[in-house]
Amino acid sequence: MTTRTRTTLAARLRTRTAQIALTDDRGDVPGWVLVTLMTAGLVVAIWAVAGPALTNMFTTALAGVTGP
């Protein structure tokens, strides 16, 4: 392989690497959307199960502080 061929291949590789870097700049958006939706789903599910107990605990604590 000649020096000129190596230089040409290196230039093409740099150009292709730059093109890939420019087109792949959006990050992992679908992954973050999935994580956000799953977290929201977990919060809703836990709130549905623990909501009444938390409300009762808060009401009892508030009644204990303020008096009857």
Protein backbone atom coordinates (compact mmCIF):
# COMPACT_ATOMS: atom_id res chain seq x y z
CA MET A 1 0.00 0.00 0.00
CA THR A 2 1.44 3.35 -0.97
CA THR A 3 1.60 6.43 1.19
CA ARG A 4 -0.91 8.18 -1.06
CA THR A 5 -3.39 5.30 -0.69
CA ARG A 6 -2.98 5.32 3.10
CA THR A 7 -3.53 9.08 3.21
CA THR A 8 -6.65 8.78 1.05
CA LEU A 9 -8.05 5.96 3.20
CA ALA A 10 -7.31 7.88 6.39
CA ALA A 11 -9.06 10.96 5.02
CA ARG A 12 -12.10 8.90 4.03
CA LEU A 13 -12.18 7.27 7.45
CA ARG A 14 -12.05 10.67 9.19
CA THR A 15 -14.82 11.99 6.95
CA ARG A 16 -17.02 8.94 7.59
CA THR A 17 -16.37 9.11 11.34
CA ALA A 18 -17.38 12.79 11.35
CA GLN A 19 -20.56 11.98 9.41
CA ILE A 20 -21.51 9.25 11.87
CA ALA A 21 -20.83 11.55 14.82
CA LEU A 22 -23.06 14.24 13.33
CA THR A 23 -25.95 11.90 12.57
CA ASP A 24 -25.74 10.05 15.90
CA ASP A 25 -25.93 13.18 18.07
CA ARG A 26 -29.47 12.65 19.36
CA GLY A 27 -28.47 10.35 22.22
CA ASP A 28 -30.62 7.66 23.69
CA VAL A 29 -33.97 9.45 23.56
CA PRO A 30 -36.19 6.34 23.37
CA GLY A 31 -34.39 4.88 26.38
CA TRP A 32 -34.99 8.00 28.47
CA VAL A 33 -38.62 8.13 27.43
CA LEU A 34 -39.05 4.52 28.50
CA VAL A 35 -37.37 5.14 31.86
CA THR A 36 -39.55 8.20 32.45
CA LEU A 37 -42.77 6.36 31.60
CA MET A 38 -41.84 3.37 33.75
CA THR A 39 -41.01 5.63 36.69
CA ALA A 40 -44.33 7.44 36.35
CA GLY A 41 -46.13 4.09 36.19
CA LEU A 42 -44.39 2.89 39.35
CA VAL A 43 -45.29 6.08 41.20
CA VAL A 44 -48.96 5.74 40.21
CA ALA A 45 -49.04 2.06 41.20
CA ILE A 46 -47.37 2.66 44.58
CA TRP A 47 -49.60 5.67 45.25
CA ALA A 48 -52.72 3.60 44.49
CA VAL A 49 -51.66 0.94 47.00
CA ALA A 50 -50.17 3.15 49.71
CA GLY A 51 -52.34 6.26 49.29
CA PRO A 52 -55.00 5.42 51.88
CA ALA A 53 -52.40 4.35 54.45
CA LEU A 54 -50.38 7.52 53.88
CA THR A 55 -53.49 9.68 54.20
CA ASN A 56 -54.43 7.95 57.44
CA MET A 57 -50.89 8.30 58.82
CA PHE A 58 -50.81 12.01 57.94
CA THR A 59 -54.22 12.65 59.51
CA THR A 60 -53.23 10.80 62.69
CA ALA A 61 -49.92 12.68 62.94
CA LEU A 62 -51.63 16.03 62.36
CA ALA A 63 -54.28 15.25 65.00
CA GLY A 64 -51.54 14.28 67.47
CA VAL A 65 -49.73 17.58 66.99
CA THR A 66 -52.73 19.92 67.01
CA GLY A 67 -54.71 18.09 69.71
CA PRO A 68 -58.30 16.84 69.67
